[in-house]
């Protein structure tokens, strides 16, 4: 069963049941109040008749008293404890109840009885008669007018229920349609996206602020995110294939050259091997960076702890100097400690030091400072700089500030993107200032201790 049908069925049944229960409650309450009112009136009338008959009992014959006080639609009886007494007096329209078996009651009694398919109010009141004996004055009074009114009420409530069910069913259908409309739109939109391969969004009524419109906005945001990720994925695959194609082409070319002429020209051997090795190393680094970027932060096995940033910076500067022969000056005012993953922070430093090496021939400076609950590491070079309009894009994958920068110096454009991923994983914040011809400064902000702002 479709959701629309379920909503329509459940809401219709629920409303119908509630309507029936409400009308049934109204009928039962009115019936109870009406019958109780009739019993109270019959009891009051019986008490009045008993008092009048007792006062007049010595001066008048009992049958005359019974005929004088008999109800218009009912019966009046005077009954002794042994069941004896004068014959009951019954109105002309209710002769059938005169055949009811008399029953003596020691206490006052009020109830509704059935006789011949009709309802009657029965009241029995014990009184001390003029001769000193205890007698029952019993009145049986027809409730046909009340029952007739209740029958009319049943018909009215049943008709009202049926009439109310028509708009109820219509409103349930409208309600189910209203609830399902954005869901149906989402289904249609997703089907169109699947068939066409093009992302679409829902058209929403901005004037409405209900949950359905909010769900539509969430759907549009999700589609926007999927579209953005799809575009990035296409660009990533295109750029990655482009970056990998170049070293593979170089390796293939030199391998073919070696195959054709390597045996006859030994001088080509060293050149080809060196080129193949260089491109293989570059392709390995590129592949490792791509795999690391594809790996989620939760799988990086981080070891967050309090570390000595000055010691880390000096050790990194020494290793960098040994690897590339470039001087790196570390500036620090005393011991500076921060909370981070030591291995990942060292990798982050190497990325920015390597960038500074590629685009600067002068000395590189690493300075450490404390700023409130943060610790700041600044890597500064005096290189060619980056245009201000390019700064927002530098952490995008495969992005190069200037395509003219050589592959030997510029890399694949994954270093800064990887740096952004590492910073996000260890809770560091990156920022960069640069000026053309003056150099670039990169700031790494980390928390001073566990639980600090990261």
Protein backbone atom coordinates (compact mmCIF):
# COMPACT_ATOMS: atom_id res chain seq x y z
CA UNK A 1 0.00 0.00 0.00
CA UNK A 2 1.32 3.42 -0.95
CA UNK A 3 2.05 5.98 1.74
CA UNK A 4 -0.65 8.30 0.36
CA UNK A 5 -3.24 5.51 0.72
CA UNK A 6 -2.01 4.71 4.24
CA UNK A 7 -2.33 8.33 5.34
CA UNK A 8 -5.76 8.59 3.73
CA UNK A 9 -6.96 5.31 5.27
CA UNK A 10 -5.54 5.87 8.74
CA UNK A 11 -6.71 9.50 9.02
CA UNK A 12 -10.19 8.65 7.70
CA UNK A 13 -10.61 5.68 10.05
CA UNK A 14 -9.25 7.66 12.99
CA UNK A 15 -11.53 10.64 12.38
CA UNK A 16 -14.52 8.36 11.78
CA UNK A 17 -13.89 6.41 14.99
CA UNK A 18 -13.46 9.63 16.97
CA UNK A 19 -16.66 11.03 15.49
CA UNK A 20 -18.62 7.86 16.31
CA UNK A 21 -17.22 7.74 19.84
CA UNK A 22 -18.08 11.41 20.38
CA UNK A 23 -21.66 10.98 19.13
CA UNK A 24 -22.06 7.79 21.14
CA UNK A 25 -20.86 9.61 24.24
CA UNK A 26 -23.31 12.44 23.58
CA UNK A 27 -26.18 9.96 23.18
CA UNK A 28 -25.31 7.99 26.31
CA UNK A 29 -24.95 11.14 28.40
CA UNK A 30 -28.25 12.58 27.14
CA UNK A 31 -29.99 9.21 27.62
CA UNK A 32 -28.66 8.90 31.16
CA UNK A 33 -29.63 12.44 32.09
CA UNK A 34 -33.09 12.06 30.57
CA UNK A 35 -33.92 8.76 32.30
CA UNK A 36 -32.49 9.95 35.61
CA UNK A 37 -34.61 13.07 35.34
CA UNK A 38 -37.73 10.98 34.68
CA UNK A 39 -36.94 8.71 37.63
CA UNK A 40 -36.44 11.71 39.91
CA UNK A 41 -39.77 13.18 38.77
CA UNK A 42 -41.51 9.83 39.29
CA UNK A 43 -39.97 9.48 42.78
CA UNK A 44 -41.04 12.98 43.74
CA UNK A 45 -44.54 12.35 42.38
CA UNK A 46 -44.77 9.02 44.27
CA UNK A 47 -43.70 10.65 47.54
CA UNK A 48 -46.31 13.39 47.09
CA UNK A 49 -49.04 10.85 46.24
CA UNK A 50 -48.10 8.67 49.26
CA UNK A 51 -48.30 11.65 51.60
CA UNK A 52 -51.64 12.78 50.18
CA UNK A 53 -53.11 9.27 50.29
CA UNK A 54 -52.00 8.78 53.90
CA UNK A 55 -53.63 12.03 54.97
CA UNK A 56 -56.81 11.19 53.11
CA UNK A 57 -56.75 7.47 53.90
CA UNK A 58 -59.11 7.59 56.90
CA UNK A 59 -61.74 9.67 55.16
CA UNK A 60 -61.89 8.03 51.70
CA UNK A 61 -61.91 4.57 50.21
CA UNK A 62 -58.58 3.33 48.88
CA UNK A 63 -59.77 2.54 45.33
CA UNK A 64 -61.08 6.11 44.99
CA UNK A 65 -57.72 7.43 46.20
CA UNK A 66 -55.86 5.29 43.68
CA UNK A 67 -58.10 6.47 40.83
CA UNK A 68 -57.63 10.07 41.92
CA UNK A 69 -53.82 9.92 41.80
CA UNK A 70 -53.13 7.42 38.99
CA UNK A 71 -50.69 8.83 36.32
CA UNK A 72 -52.05 9.58 32.87
CA UNK A 73 -49.82 6.90 31.32
CA UNK A 74 -49.12 4.49 34.11
CA UNK A 75 -50.31 2.51 37.11
CA UNK A 76 -50.73 3.14 40.86
CA UNK A 77 -50.71 0.33 43.40
CA UNK A 78 -50.99 0.01 47.20
CA UNK A 79 -49.31 -3.18 48.38
CA UNK A 80 -49.11 -4.86 51.79
CA UNK A 81 -46.07 -6.91 52.95
CA UNK A 82 -47.93 -10.15 52.23
CA UNK A 83 -48.70 -9.06 48.68
CA UNK A 84 -52.32 -8.21 49.39
CA UNK A 85 -53.98 -4.91 48.77
CA UNK A 86 -56.57 -3.25 46.63
CA UNK A 87 -56.50 -3.80 42.91
CA UNK A 88 -54.06 -1.50 41.08
CA UNK A 89 -55.50 1.34 39.06
CA UNK A 90 -54.13 1.62 35.51
CA UNK A 91 -54.64 4.30 32.87
CA UNK A 92 -56.62 3.26 29.82
CA UNK A 93 -53.55 3.25 27.51
CA UNK A 94 -51.40 1.10 29.79
CA UNK A 95 -53.56 -1.87 30.71
CA UNK A 96 -50.77 -4.31 29.92
CA UNK A 97 -48.66 -3.32 32.94
CA UNK A 98 -51.53 -4.23 35.33
CA UNK A 99 -50.58 -7.85 34.77
CA UNK A 100 -47.09 -7.32 36.22
CA UNK A 101 -46.44 -9.45 39.30
CA UNK A 102 -46.52 -7.28 42.47
CA UNK A 103 -43.35 -7.28 44.58
CA UNK A 104 -43.10 -5.74 48.04
CA UNK A 105 -39.98 -3.70 48.88
CA UNK A 106 -38.91 -2.84 52.39
CA UNK A 107 -36.93 0.21 51.21
CA UNK A 108 -37.44 2.94 48.67
CA UNK A 109 -36.75 1.68 45.18
CA UNK A 110 -36.47 3.41 41.79
CA UNK A 111 -35.69 1.64 38.53
CA UNK A 112 -36.54 1.34 34.87
CA UNK A 113 -38.47 -1.77 33.89
CA UNK A 114 -39.53 -3.30 30.58
CA UNK A 115 -43.02 -4.52 29.79
CA UNK A 116 -44.51 -5.34 26.41
CA UNK A 117 -41.50 -3.84 24.62
CA UNK A 118 -41.93 -0.47 26.38
CA UNK A 119 -39.91 1.24 29.10
CA UNK A 120 -41.41 2.39 32.43
CA UNK A 121 -40.18 4.25 35.47
CA UNK A 122 -40.95 2.20 38.59
CA UNK A 123 -40.92 3.76 42.08
CA UNK A 124 -41.80 2.01 45.35
CA UNK A 125 -41.99 3.96 48.64
CA UNK A 126 -42.82 2.33 52.01
CA UNK A 127 -45.30 4.36 54.13
CA UNK A 128 -47.01 3.77 57.49
CA UNK A 129 -50.71 3.48 56.74
CA UNK A 130 -53.48 4.74 58.94
CA UNK A 131 -53.95 1.32 60.55
CA UNK A 132 -50.28 1.19 61.57
CA UNK A 133 -49.18 -1.29 58.89
CA UNK A 134 -46.30 -0.57 56.48
CA UNK A 135 -47.55 -0.38 52.93
CA UNK A 136 -45.82 0.19 49.57
CA UNK A 137 -47.06 2.98 47.37
CA UNK A 138 -45.87 1.92 43.94
CA UNK A 139 -46.09 3.95 40.75
CA UNK A 140 -45.31 2.70 37.27
CA UNK A 141 -45.05 5.50 34.72
CA UNK A 142 -44.48 5.26 30.97
CA UNK A 143 -41.20 6.61 29.56
CA UNK A 144 -42.36 6.34 25.97
CA UNK A 145 -42.04 10.08 25.29
CA UNK A 146 -38.48 10.04 26.57
CA UNK A 147 -37.65 6.90 24.57
CA UNK A 148 -39.17 8.50 21.49
CA UNK A 149 -36.97 11.54 21.99
CA UNK A 150 -33.91 9.26 22.34
CA UNK A 151 -34.86 7.44 19.13
CA UNK A 152 -35.02 10.76 17.30
CA UNK A 153 -31.67 11.70 18.81
CA UNK A 154 -30.16 8.42 17.58
CA UNK A 155 -31.41 9.12 14.06
CA UNK A 156 -30.12 12.70 14.17
CA UNK A 157 -26.68 11.67 15.45
CA UNK A 158 -26.42 8.85 12.90
CA UNK A 159 -27.36 11.23 10.09
CA UNK A 160 -24.96 13.86 11.37
CA UNK A 161 -22.20 11.24 11.50
CA UNK A 162 -22.82 10.17 7.92
CA UNK A 163 -22.99 13.78 6.70
CA UNK A 164 -19.80 14.68 8.61
CA UNK A 165 -17.98 11.70 7.10
CA UNK A 166 -18.21 13.18 3.59
CA UNK A 167 -16.11 16.31 4.26
CA UNK A 168 -13.96 14.19 6.57
CA UNK A 169 -13.06 11.83 3.74
CA UNK A 170 -12.42 14.75 1.40
CA UNK A 171 -10.23 16.54 3.95
CA UNK A 172 -8.29 13.31 4.59
CA UNK A 173 -7.59 12.99 0.86
CA UNK A 174 -6.51 16.64 0.70
CA UNK A 175 -4.33 16.14 3.78
CA UNK A 176 -2.64 13.07 2.33
CA UNK A 177 -2.08 14.92 -0.94
CA UNK A 178 -0.64 17.94 0.89
CA UNK A 179 1.75 15.78 2.90
CA UNK A 180 2.80 13.68 -0.06
CA UNK A 181 3.24 16.51 -2.59
CA UNK A 182 6.87 17.39 -1.67
CA UNK A 183 7.72 13.70 -1.33
CA UNK A 184 6.27 13.01 -4.78
CA UNK A 185 8.21 16.01 -6.13
CA UNK A 186 11.39 14.62 -4.60
CA UNK A 187 10.74 11.21 -6.14
CA UNK A 188 10.08 12.73 -9.57
CA UNK A 189 13.14 14.98 -9.27
CA UNK A 190 15.41 12.11 -8.23
CA UNK A 191 14.07 9.98 -11.08
CA UNK A 192 14.77 12.82 -13.52
CA UNK A 193 18.27 13.21 -12.09
CA UNK A 194 18.82 9.47 -12.51
CA UNK A 195 17.55 9.43 -16.11
CA UNK A 196 19.13 12.67 -17.31
CA UNK A 197 22.28 12.75 -15.21
CA UNK A 198 21.63 16.44 -14.50
CA UNK A 199 21.01 17.80 -11.01
CA UNK A 200 17.67 19.55 -10.38
CA UNK A 201 16.13 21.24 -7.37
CA UNK A 202 12.60 21.50 -5.99
CA UNK A 203 10.53 24.63 -6.50
CA UNK A 204 9.37 25.72 -3.04
CA UNK A 205 6.89 28.27 -1.72
CA UNK A 206 9.05 30.66 0.24
CA UNK A 207 5.99 32.09 2.01
CA UNK A 208 5.46 28.81 3.88
CA UNK A 209 7.61 27.89 6.87
CA UNK A 210 6.29 24.43 7.71
CA UNK A 211 8.27 21.18 8.08
CA UNK A 212 7.51 20.11 4.52
CA UNK A 213 9.12 23.25 3.09
CA UNK A 214 12.03 22.76 5.48
CA UNK A 215 12.39 19.21 4.18
CA UNK A 216 12.39 20.61 0.63
CA UNK A 217 15.14 23.09 1.53
CA UNK A 218 17.16 20.24 3.05
CA UNK A 219 16.67 18.22 -0.14
CA UNK A 220 17.85 21.15 -2.28
CA UNK A 221 20.89 21.60 -0.03
CA UNK A 222 21.66 17.89 -0.34
CA UNK A 223 21.37 18.09 -4.14
CA UNK A 224 23.65 21.13 -4.15
CA UNK A 225 26.20 19.21 -2.08
CA UNK A 226 25.96 16.17 -4.35
CA UNK A 227 26.34 18.37 -7.42
CA UNK A 228 29.36 20.09 -5.91
CA UNK A 229 30.93 16.75 -4.95
CA UNK A 230 30.15 15.36 -8.41
CA UNK A 231 31.87 18.30 -10.08
CA UNK A 232 34.84 17.98 -7.73
CA UNK A 233 35.01 14.25 -8.36
CA UNK A 234 34.99 14.73 -12.13
CA UNK A 235 37.69 17.38 -11.86
CA UNK A 236 39.67 15.22 -9.45
CA UNK A 237 39.54 12.19 -11.76
CA UNK A 238 40.39 14.33 -14.78
CA UNK A 239 43.30 16.07 -13.04
CA UNK A 240 44.58 12.86 -11.46
CA UNK A 241 44.56 11.04 -14.80
CA UNK A 242 46.31 14.02 -16.38
CA UNK A 243 48.97 14.12 -13.66
CA UNK A 244 49.58 10.37 -13.82
CA UNK A 245 49.61 10.30 -17.64
CA UNK A 246 52.66 12.57 -17.85
CA UNK A 247 55.11 10.48 -15.75
CA UNK A 248 53.83 7.29 -17.37
CA UNK A 249 54.41 8.80 -20.82
CA UNK A 250 57.95 9.86 -19.83
CA UNK A 251 58.72 6.42 -18.43
CA UNK A 252 57.32 4.73 -21.56
CA UNK A 253 59.31 7.04 -23.85
CA UNK A 254 62.64 6.45 -22.09
CA UNK A 255 61.93 2.71 -21.83
CA UNK A 256 61.29 2.61 -25.60
CA UNK A 257 64.46 4.64 -26.18
CA UNK A 258 66.46 2.18 -24.09
CA UNK A 259 64.92 -0.73 -25.94
CA UNK A 260 65.81 0.71 -29.34
CA UNK A 261 69.17 2.37 -28.73
CA UNK A 262 70.30 1.51 -25.21
CA UNK A 263 72.62 -1.29 -26.29
CA UNK A 264 74.35 0.82 -28.95
CA UNK A 265 74.52 4.12 -27.04
CA UNK A 266 75.61 3.59 -23.41
CA UNK A 267 75.45 7.34 -22.77
CA UNK A 268 71.65 7.13 -23.09
CA UNK A 269 71.50 4.52 -20.37
CA UNK A 270 72.27 6.85 -17.46
CA UNK A 271 70.02 9.59 -18.78
CA UNK A 272 67.09 7.19 -19.29
CA UNK A 273 67.50 5.49 -15.93
CA UNK A 274 67.72 8.82 -14.16
CA UNK A 275 64.59 10.11 -15.92
CA UNK A 276 62.65 6.90 -15.29
CA UNK A 277 63.69 6.91 -11.61
CA UNK A 278 62.77 10.56 -11.19
CA UNK A 279 59.33 10.12 -12.77
CA UNK A 280 58.72 6.90 -10.81
CA UNK A 281 59.51 8.69 -7.54
CA UNK A 282 57.25 11.58 -8.50
CA UNK A 283 54.45 9.19 -9.46
CA UNK A 284 54.87 7.32 -6.17
CA UNK A 285 54.63 10.56 -4.18
CA UNK A 286 51.58 11.62 -6.18
CA UNK A 287 49.90 8.24 -5.62
CA UNK A 288 50.61 8.35 -1.87
CA UNK A 289 49.17 11.84 -1.64
CA UNK A 290 46.06 10.78 -3.56
CA UNK A 291 45.56 7.75 -1.30
CA UNK A 292 46.02 9.84 1.84
CA UNK A 293 43.53 12.43 0.57
CA UNK A 294 41.03 9.66 -0.11
CA UNK A 295 41.41 8.26 3.40
CA UNK A 296 38.99 9.54 6.03
CA UNK A 297 40.33 11.36 9.10
CA UNK A 298 39.02 8.67 11.48
CA UNK A 299 41.40 6.15 9.86
CA UNK A 300 44.55 8.25 10.29
CA UNK A 301 45.40 6.76 13.74
CA UNK A 302 46.04 10.14 15.35
CA UNK A 303 48.01 10.34 18.63
CA UNK A 304 46.97 13.66 20.12
CA UNK A 305 49.17 14.72 23.04
CA UNK A 306 51.08 17.67 24.50
CA UNK A 307 54.34 18.23 22.55
CA UNK A 308 57.30 20.61 22.61
CA UNK A 309 56.80 22.76 19.50
CA UNK A 310 60.27 24.34 19.65
CA UNK A 311 61.96 20.94 19.70
CA UNK A 312 59.71 19.72 16.87
CA UNK A 313 60.45 22.82 14.75
CA UNK A 314 64.25 22.58 15.26
CA UNK A 315 64.29 18.84 14.47
CA UNK A 316 62.24 19.45 11.31
CA UNK A 317 64.53 22.34 10.26
CA UNK A 318 67.62 20.15 10.74
CA UNK A 319 66.13 17.26 8.71
CA UNK A 320 65.08 19.68 5.97
CA UNK A 321 68.57 21.20 5.84
CA UNK A 322 70.16 17.75 5.55
CA UNK A 323 67.75 16.78 2.75
CA UNK A 324 67.87 19.92 0.61
CA UNK A 325 70.83 21.94 1.90
CA UNK A 326 68.56 24.91 2.69
CA UNK A 327 68.94 26.94 5.85
CA UNK A 328 65.85 27.17 8.07
CA UNK A 329 65.97 29.60 11.00
CA UNK A 330 63.82 28.78 14.06
CA UNK A 331 62.82 31.71 16.29
CA UNK A 332 61.21 31.13 19.69
CA UNK A 333 60.92 33.07 22.94
CA UNK A 334 61.40 30.26 25.41
CA UNK A 335 59.74 26.87 25.51
CA UNK A 336 56.45 26.63 23.58
CA UNK A 337 54.17 23.60 24.00
CA UNK A 338 50.95 22.70 22.20
CA UNK A 339 48.41 19.89 21.88
CA UNK A 340 48.54 18.00 18.56
CA UNK A 341 49.65 14.84 16.75
CA UNK A 342 53.43 15.05 16.47
CA UNK A 343 53.82 13.03 13.25
CA UNK A 344 51.05 14.84 11.38
CA UNK A 345 52.22 18.27 12.58
CA UNK A 346 55.76 17.44 11.38
CA UNK A 347 54.29 16.41 8.01
CA UNK A 348 52.42 19.71 7.90
CA UNK A 349 55.64 21.64 8.56
CA UNK A 350 57.48 19.73 5.82
CA UNK A 351 54.76 20.56 3.28
CA UNK A 352 55.06 24.30 3.91
CA UNK A 353 58.87 24.19 4.17
CA UNK A 354 59.00 22.33 0.85
CA UNK A 355 56.72 24.96 -0.73
CA UNK A 356 58.96 27.72 0.61
CA UNK A 357 62.01 25.92 -0.83
CA UNK A 358 60.46 25.61 -4.29
CA UNK A 359 59.46 29.27 -4.63
CA UNK A 360 62.21 31.01 -2.66
CA UNK A 361 66.00 31.07 -2.87
CA UNK A 362 66.53 33.01 0.34
CA UNK A 363 66.47 31.88 3.96
CA UNK A 364 63.33 30.35 5.42
CA UNK A 365 62.16 31.32 8.91
CA UNK A 366 60.00 29.36 11.38
CA UNK A 367 58.79 31.38 14.37
CA UNK A 368 56.84 30.17 17.40
CA UNK A 369 54.65 32.22 19.71
CA UNK A 370 51.89 31.83 22.30
CA UNK A 371 48.59 33.65 21.80
CA UNK A 372 46.10 33.04 24.61
CA UNK A 373 44.85 29.47 24.37
CA UNK A 374 46.52 29.03 20.98
CA UNK A 375 50.02 28.34 19.80
CA UNK A 376 51.07 29.85 16.45
CA UNK A 377 53.71 28.49 14.07
CA UNK A 378 54.65 30.89 11.25
CA UNK A 379 56.67 29.72 8.20
CA UNK A 380 58.02 32.72 6.23
CA UNK A 381 59.91 32.87 2.95
CA UNK A 382 61.14 35.71 0.75
CA UNK A 383 60.07 34.17 -2.52
CA UNK A 384 57.99 35.16 -5.52
CA UNK A 385 54.73 35.41 -3.55
CA UNK A 386 51.14 34.69 -4.52
CA UNK A 387 48.65 37.17 -6.02
CA UNK A 388 45.91 38.11 -3.46
CA UNK A 389 43.11 36.92 -5.76
CA UNK A 390 44.67 33.44 -5.88
CA UNK A 391 44.87 32.92 -2.10
CA UNK A 392 41.29 31.54 -1.67
CA UNK A 393 42.05 28.75 -4.20
CA UNK A 394 45.47 27.58 -3.08
CA UNK A 395 44.13 24.68 -0.95
CA UNK A 396 42.13 23.21 -3.87
CA UNK A 397 43.40 19.93 -5.25
CA UNK A 398 45.64 20.14 -8.34
CA UNK A 399 45.46 23.92 -8.27
CA UNK A 400 48.57 25.81 -9.36
CA UNK A 401 48.90 29.54 -8.97
CA UNK A 402 50.74 29.81 -12.27
CA UNK A 403 50.76 27.07 -14.92
CA UNK A 404 54.08 28.47 -16.10
CA UNK A 405 55.73 27.16 -12.95
CA UNK A 406 57.66 24.07 -13.92
CA UNK A 407 56.71 20.59 -12.89
CA UNK A 408 60.13 20.20 -11.33
CA UNK A 409 59.47 23.15 -9.08
CA UNK A 410 55.72 23.23 -8.78
CA UNK A 411 54.67 19.62 -8.10
CA UNK A 412 51.21 18.20 -8.77
CA UNK A 413 49.23 20.77 -6.84
CA UNK A 414 48.30 18.34 -4.05
CA UNK A 415 50.63 19.52 -1.27
CA UNK A 416 48.52 22.38 0.07
CA UNK A 417 45.32 20.38 -0.33
CA UNK A 418 46.89 17.61 1.73
CA UNK A 419 48.01 20.22 4.27
CA UNK A 420 44.40 21.41 4.64
CA UNK A 421 43.26 17.79 5.20
CA UNK A 422 45.94 17.22 7.85
CA UNK A 423 45.11 20.49 9.59
CA UNK A 424 41.44 19.55 9.70
CA UNK A 425 42.31 16.13 11.18
CA UNK A 426 44.50 17.48 14.02
CA UNK A 427 42.30 20.52 14.72
CA UNK A 428 44.74 23.11 13.41
CA UNK A 429 43.78 26.31 11.59
CA UNK A 430 45.65 27.51 8.52
CA UNK A 431 45.94 31.02 7.15
CA UNK A 432 48.26 32.59 4.59
CA UNK A 433 49.50 36.07 3.78
CA UNK A 434 51.45 36.78 0.62
CA UNK A 435 52.63 39.61 -1.60
CA UNK A 436 54.09 39.43 -5.09
CA UNK A 437 57.88 39.73 -4.96
CA UNK A 438 57.98 39.94 -1.14
CA UNK A 439 57.25 36.39 -0.04
CA UNK A 440 54.68 34.33 1.80
CA UNK A 441 53.84 33.66 5.45
CA UNK A 442 51.84 30.60 6.53
CA UNK A 443 50.32 30.51 10.03
CA UNK A 444 49.45 27.22 11.76
CA UNK A 445 47.30 27.68 14.88
CA UNK A 446 46.88 24.79 17.34
CA UNK A 447 45.39 24.49 20.81
CA UNK A 448 47.62 24.99 23.84
CA UNK A 449 46.15 21.94 25.59
CA UNK A 450 43.48 19.26 25.35
CA UNK A 451 39.95 20.68 25.29
CA UNK A 452 41.14 24.07 24.04
CA UNK A 453 39.63 25.82 21.02
CA UNK A 454 40.80 24.04 17.92
